C-alpha atoms as a PDB file:
ATOM      1  CA  LEU A   1      -1.800  -6.458  10.630  1.00  0.00           C
ATOM      2  CA  ASP A   2      -2.813  -5.461   7.112  1.00  0.00           C
ATOM      3  CA  GLY A   3       0.664  -6.421   5.894  1.00  0.00           C
ATOM      4  CA  ILE A   4       0.317  -9.816   7.557  1.00  0.00           C
ATOM      5  CA  ILE A   5      -3.120 -10.287   5.973  1.00  0.00           C
ATOM      6  CA  LEU A   6      -1.829  -9.342   2.509  1.00  0.00           C
ATOM      7  CA  ALA A   7       1.466 -11.298   2.843  1.00  0.00           C
ATOM      8  CA  PRO A   8       0.104 -14.660   1.613  1.00  0.00           C
ATOM      9  CA  ILE A   9      -1.148 -12.921  -1.531  1.00  0.00           C
ATOM     10  CA  SER A  10       2.300 -11.387  -2.089  1.00  0.00           C
ATOM     11  CA  VAL A  11       4.021 -14.734  -1.545  1.00  0.00           C
ATOM     12  CA  GLY A  12       1.579 -16.365  -3.956  1.00  0.00           C
ATOM     13  CA  PHE A  13       2.456 -13.834  -6.623  1.00  0.00           C
ATOM     14  CA  PHE A  14       6.187 -14.277  -6.031  1.00  0.00           C
ATOM     15  CA  VAL A  15       5.728 -17.999  -6.676  1.00  0.00           C
ATOM     16  CA  PHE A  16       3.495 -17.316  -9.718  1.00  0.00           C
ATOM     17  CA  ASN A  17       5.971 -14.761 -11.109  1.00  0.00           C
ATOM     18  CA  SER A  18       8.916 -17.119 -10.650  1.00  0.00           C
ATOM     19  CA  MET A  19       7.403 -19.665 -13.034  1.00  0.00           C
ATOM     20  CA  ASP A  20       7.911 -17.496 -16.109  1.00  0.00           C
ATOM     21  CA  LEU A  21       9.048 -13.953 -16.862  1.00  0.00           C
ATOM     22  CA  ASN A  22       5.783 -13.210 -18.682  1.00  0.00           C
ATOM     23  CA  ASN A  23       3.854 -13.950 -15.465  1.00  0.00           C
ATOM     24  CA  VAL A  24       5.358 -10.813 -13.918  1.00  0.00           C
ATOM     25  CA  TYR A  25       3.029  -8.615 -15.999  1.00  0.00           C
ATOM     26  CA  ALA A  26      -0.107 -10.405 -14.796  1.00  0.00           C
ATOM     27  CA  GLY A  27       1.271 -10.589 -11.265  1.00  0.00           C
ATOM     28  CA  ILE A  28       1.817  -6.833 -11.121  1.00  0.00           C
ATOM     29  CA  LEU A  29      -1.664  -6.118 -12.419  1.00  0.00           C
ATOM     30  CA  VAL A  30      -3.559  -8.545 -10.198  1.00  0.00           C
ATOM     31  CA  SER A  31      -1.587  -7.880  -6.996  1.00  0.00           C
ATOM     32  CA  ASN A  32      -2.016  -4.125  -7.363  1.00  0.00           C
ATOM     33  CA  VAL A  33      -5.730  -4.413  -8.090  1.00  0.00           C
ATOM     34  CA  ILE A  34      -6.127  -6.537  -4.935  1.00  0.00           C
ATOM     35  CA  THR A  35      -4.097  -4.073  -2.850  1.00  0.00           C
ATOM     36  CA  ILE A  36      -6.015  -1.038  -4.141  1.00  0.00           C
ATOM     37  CA  PHE A  37      -9.327  -2.840  -3.569  1.00  0.00           C
ATOM     38  CA  TYR A  38      -8.248  -3.768  -0.040  1.00  0.00           C
ATOM     39  CA  HIS A  39      -7.261  -0.210   0.925  1.00  0.00           C
ATOM     40  CA  ILE A  40     -10.204   1.554  -0.729  1.00  0.00           C
ATOM     41  CA  TYR A  41     -13.175  -0.836  -0.577  1.00  0.00           C
ATOM     42  CA  PHE A  42     -12.804  -2.091   3.010  1.00  0.00           C
ATOM     43  CA  PRO A  43     -12.432   1.358   4.653  1.00  0.00           C
ATOM     44  CA  THR A  44     -15.402   2.671   2.656  1.00  0.00           C
ATOM     45  CA  ARG A  45     -17.632  -0.358   3.234  1.00  0.00           C
ATOM     46  CA  PHE A  46     -16.638  -1.310   6.803  1.00  0.00           C
ATOM     47  CA  GLY A  47     -14.958   1.839   8.136  1.00  0.00           C
ATOM     48  CA  ALA A  48     -11.464   0.311   8.228  1.00  0.00           C
ATOM     49  CA  THR A  49      -9.202  -2.283   6.699  1.00  0.00           C
ATOM     50  CA  PRO A  50      -9.429  -5.780   8.241  1.00  0.00           C
ATOM     51  CA  GLY A  51      -6.205  -5.170  10.175  1.00  0.00           C
ATOM     52  CA  LYS A  52      -7.523  -1.942  11.703  1.00  0.00           C
ATOM     53  CA  LEU A  53     -10.876  -3.599  12.484  1.00  0.00           C
ATOM     54  CA  ALA A  54      -9.059  -6.404  14.317  1.00  0.00           C
ATOM     55  CA  LEU A  55      -7.322  -3.762  16.446  1.00  0.00           C
ATOM     56  CA  GLY A  56     -10.593  -1.959  17.154  1.00  0.00           C
ATOM     57  CA  LEU A  57      -9.765   1.043  14.965  1.00  0.00           C
ATOM     58  CA  HIS A  58     -12.001   2.992  12.614  1.00  0.00           C
ATOM     59  CA  ILE A  59     -11.299   5.557   9.860  1.00  0.00           C
ATOM     60  CA  LEU A  60     -13.458   8.689   9.827  1.00  0.00           C
ATOM     61  CA  LYS A  61     -13.540  11.985   7.978  1.00  0.00           C
ATOM     62  CA  MET A  62     -12.355  14.851  10.129  1.00  0.00           C
ATOM     63  CA  ASN A  63     -15.964  15.986  10.544  1.00  0.00           C
ATOM     64  CA  GLY A  64     -16.901  12.581  12.022  1.00  0.00           C
ATOM     65  CA  ASP A  65     -18.686  11.201   8.948  1.00  0.00           C
ATOM     66  CA  ALA A  66     -17.926   7.860   7.330  1.00  0.00           C
ATOM     67  CA  ILE A  67     -15.371   8.032   4.543  1.00  0.00           C
ATOM     68  CA  THR A  68     -16.345   7.836   0.876  1.00  0.00           C
ATOM     69  CA  TYR A  69     -14.546   6.090  -1.970  1.00  0.00           C
ATOM     70  CA  SER A  70     -12.998   9.435  -2.876  1.00  0.00           C
ATOM     71  CA  ASP A  71     -11.713   9.915   0.692  1.00  0.00           C
ATOM     72  CA  ALA A  72     -10.321   6.375   0.779  1.00  0.00           C
ATOM     73  CA  PHE A  73      -8.614   6.912  -2.584  1.00  0.00           C
ATOM     74  CA  ARG A  74      -7.031  10.186  -1.446  1.00  0.00           C
ATOM     75  CA  ARG A  75      -5.980   8.470   1.778  1.00  0.00           C
ATOM     76  CA  TYR A  76      -4.276   5.684  -0.187  1.00  0.00           C
ATOM     77  CA  LEU A  77      -2.748   8.065  -2.769  1.00  0.00           C
ATOM     78  CA  PRO A  78       0.742   8.466  -1.182  1.00  0.00           C
ATOM     79  CA  ASN A  79       1.160   4.682  -1.132  1.00  0.00           C
ATOM     80  CA  LEU A  80      -0.256   4.376  -4.626  1.00  0.00           C
ATOM     81  CA  LEU A  81       2.286   6.859  -5.976  1.00  0.00           C
ATOM     82  CA  LEU A  82       5.122   4.860  -4.426  1.00  0.00           C
ATOM     83  CA  GLY A  83       3.581   1.718  -5.871  1.00  0.00           C
ATOM     84  CA  LEU A  84       3.572   3.305  -9.327  1.00  0.00           C
ATOM     85  CA  ILE A  85       7.304   3.984  -9.017  1.00  0.00           C
ATOM     86  CA  ALA A  86       7.827   0.320  -8.149  1.00  0.00           C
ATOM     87  CA  ILE A  87       5.612  -0.824 -11.033  1.00  0.00           C
ATOM     88  CA  ILE A  88       7.446   1.349 -13.555  1.00  0.00           C
ATOM     89  CA  ASN A  89      10.827   0.142 -12.286  1.00  0.00           C
ATOM     90  CA  THR A  90       9.754  -3.481 -12.444  1.00  0.00           C
ATOM     91  CA  LEU A  91       8.216  -3.166 -15.908  1.00  0.00           C
ATOM     92  CA  PHE A  92      11.346  -1.455 -17.209  1.00  0.00           C
ATOM     93  CA  ALA A  93      13.548  -4.218 -15.743  1.00  0.00           C
ATOM     94  CA  VAL A  94      11.304  -6.979 -17.135  1.00  0.00           C
ATOM     95  CA  SER A  95      11.418  -5.382 -20.591  1.00  0.00           C
ATOM     96  CA  LYS A  96      15.228  -5.562 -20.526  1.00  0.00           C
ATOM     97  CA  ALA A  97      15.442  -9.071 -19.025  1.00  0.00           C
ATOM     98  CA  ASP A  98      16.179 -12.231 -20.981  1.00  0.00           C
ATOM     99  CA  ALA A  99      13.334 -14.725 -20.424  1.00  0.00           C
ATOM    100  CA  LYS A 100      15.594 -17.792 -20.747  1.00  0.00           C
ATOM    101  CA  VAL A 101      18.030 -16.475 -18.135  1.00  0.00           C
ATOM    102  CA  TYR A 102      15.211 -15.392 -15.792  1.00  0.00           C
ATOM    103  CA  ASN A 103      13.296 -18.664 -16.057  1.00  0.00           C
ATOM    104  CA  ASP A 104      16.411 -20.739 -15.259  1.00  0.00           C
ATOM    105  CA  LEU A 105      17.097 -18.877 -11.983  1.00  0.00           C
ATOM    106  CA  SER A 106      15.780 -19.613  -8.489  1.00  0.00           C
ATOM    107  CA  TRP A 107      13.127 -17.150  -7.283  1.00  0.00           C
ATOM    108  CA  MET A 108      15.612 -15.226  -5.081  1.00  0.00           C
ATOM    109  CA  LYS A 109      18.059 -14.949  -7.969  1.00  0.00           C
ATOM    110  CA  GLN A 110      15.227 -13.808 -10.251  1.00  0.00           C
ATOM    111  CA  SER A 111      14.655 -10.791  -8.024  1.00  0.00           C
ATOM    112  CA  GLU A 112      18.368  -9.979  -7.998  1.00  0.00           C
ATOM    113  CA  TYR A 113      18.478 -10.385 -11.766  1.00  0.00           C
ATOM    114  CA  LEU A 114      15.605  -7.938 -12.291  1.00  0.00           C
ATOM    115  CA  GLN A 115      17.223  -5.450  -9.913  1.00  0.00           C
ATOM    116  CA  SER A 116      20.451  -5.682 -11.887  1.00  0.00           C
ATOM    117  CA  MET A 117      18.530  -4.690 -15.038  1.00  0.00           C
ATOM    118  CA  ASN A 118      17.595  -1.364 -13.473  1.00  0.00           C
ATOM    119  CA  SER A 119      19.759  -1.007 -10.362  1.00  0.00           C
ATOM    120  CA  SER A 120      19.941   2.797 -10.227  1.00  0.00           C
ATOM    121  CA  MET A 121      16.159   3.147 -10.408  1.00  0.00           C
ATOM    122  CA  PHE A 122      15.692   0.545  -7.666  1.00  0.00           C
ATOM    123  CA  TYR A 123      17.929   2.674  -5.417  1.00  0.00           C
ATOM    124  CA  ILE A 124      15.840   5.748  -6.237  1.00  0.00           C
ATOM    125  CA  GLN A 125      12.710   3.730  -5.438  1.00  0.00           C
ATOM    126  CA  MET A 126      14.147   2.732  -2.052  1.00  0.00           C
ATOM    127  CA  ILE A 127      15.091   6.347  -1.303  1.00  0.00           C
ATOM    128  CA  CYS A 128      11.531   7.464  -2.119  1.00  0.00           C
ATOM    129  CA  ILE A 129       9.999   4.727   0.048  1.00  0.00           C
ATOM    130  CA  ASN A 130      12.250   5.562   2.988  1.00  0.00           C
ATOM    131  CA  ALA A 131      11.642   9.299   2.529  1.00  0.00           C
ATOM    132  CA  LEU A 132       7.868   8.738   2.651  1.00  0.00           C
ATOM    133  CA  LEU A 133       8.152   6.502   5.721  1.00  0.00           C
ATOM    134  CA  PHE A 134      10.392   8.995   7.541  1.00  0.00           C
ATOM    135  CA  THR A 135       8.182  11.940   6.572  1.00  0.00           C
ATOM    136  CA  SER A 136       5.035  10.090   7.609  1.00  0.00           C
ATOM    137  CA  PHE A 137       6.598   9.143  10.951  1.00  0.00           C
ATOM    138  CA  PHE A 138       7.756  12.741  11.547  1.00  0.00           C
ATOM    139  CA  ILE A 139       4.305  14.102  10.682  1.00  0.00           C
ATOM    140  CA  PHE A 140       2.676  11.501  12.942  1.00  0.00           C
ATOM    141  CA  ILE A 141       4.788  12.330  15.995  1.00  0.00           C
ATOM    142  CA  SER A 142       4.707  16.093  15.443  1.00  0.00           C
ATOM    143  CA  ASN A 143       0.962  16.710  15.227  1.00  0.00           C
ATOM    144  CA  GLU A 144      -1.306  16.576  18.244  1.00  0.00           C
ATOM    145  CA  ARG A 145      -3.959  14.377  16.619  1.00  0.00           C
ATOM    146  CA  LYS A 146      -1.370  11.774  15.563  1.00  0.00           C
ATOM    147  CA  ARG A 147      -2.524  11.795  11.953  1.00  0.00           C
ATOM    148  CA  SER A 148      -0.355  10.147   9.316  1.00  0.00           C
ATOM    149  CA  ILE A 149       0.498  11.491   5.875  1.00  0.00           C
ATOM    150  CA  SER A 150      -2.316   9.269   4.554  1.00  0.00           C
ATOM    151  CA  ASP A 151      -4.762  10.845   7.003  1.00  0.00           C
ATOM    152  CA  LEU A 152      -3.693  14.314   5.908  1.00  0.00           C
ATOM    153  CA  SER A 153      -4.080  13.517   2.212  1.00  0.00           C
ATOM    154  CA  GLY A 154      -7.528  11.963   2.756  1.00  0.00           C
ATOM    155  CA  ASP A 155      -8.620  14.448   5.458  1.00  0.00           C
ATOM    156  CA  THR A 156      -9.289  11.477   7.746  1.00  0.00           C
ATOM    157  CA  ALA A 157      -8.397  10.287  11.221  1.00  0.00           C
ATOM    158  CA  VAL A 158      -8.029   6.826  12.710  1.00  0.00           C
ATOM    159  CA  VAL A 159      -9.859   6.482  16.010  1.00  0.00           C
ATOM    160  CA  LYS A 160     -10.577   3.717  18.471  1.00  0.00           C
ATOM    161  CA  LYS A 161     -13.965   2.158  17.804  1.00  0.00           C
ATOM    162  CA  TYR A 162     -14.736   2.598  21.497  1.00  0.00           C
ATOM    163  CA  TYR A 163     -14.979   6.381  20.959  1.00  0.00           C
ATOM    164  CA  LEU A 164     -17.191   6.337  17.834  1.00  0.00           C
ATOM    165  CA  LYS A 165     -20.425   7.017  19.697  1.00  0.00           C
ATOM    166  CA  GLN A 166     -18.875   9.918  21.625  1.00  0.00           C
ATOM    167  CA  ILE A 167     -17.385  11.413  18.447  1.00  0.00           C
ATOM    168  CA  LYS A 168     -20.755  11.230  16.673  1.00  0.00           C
ATOM    169  CA  GLU A 169     -22.474  12.946  19.636  1.00  0.00           C
ATOM    170  CA  VAL A 170     -19.919  15.777  19.691  1.00  0.00           C
ATOM    171  CA  MET A 171     -20.090  16.254  15.922  1.00  0.00           C
ATOM    172  CA  ASN A 172     -23.911  16.349  15.946  1.00  0.00           C
ATOM    173  CA  LYS A 173     -24.058  19.212  18.470  1.00  0.00           C
END
């Protein structure tokens, strides 16, 4: 659900970026600040992202306490590192791109054009993304608590809100 919630923002930035090559720089900055804010502020302030809250889920430290900004940051760190790879690849491609050519293309062709500026690095980026997804899935299905790679890096767990009171009682004993 978080992807669905953030999708309109992403689409908005695709449209904004397609207007001019120089917009890509601002688009990268603003969209990443929004995404980082979303994944760090909401879990710290409300105990989960809006998507998790809608599903009745809550993020806790392994000891049952609410997560801190530091915990939320560490939890988001694997995704942030992948995002940095994407940012570097995009910035490198934009630096090599011709603004006149880019600005004359349709928005789908603009993406293809930027990928052609740095095609080998985009393949490496896709390999890294898929490796993280596969590793996270393997870790999730292989551990008894069903914790993701993000949970392991932040020392957190995602639990159903229904069980919060019971978890707090057990942890306080």
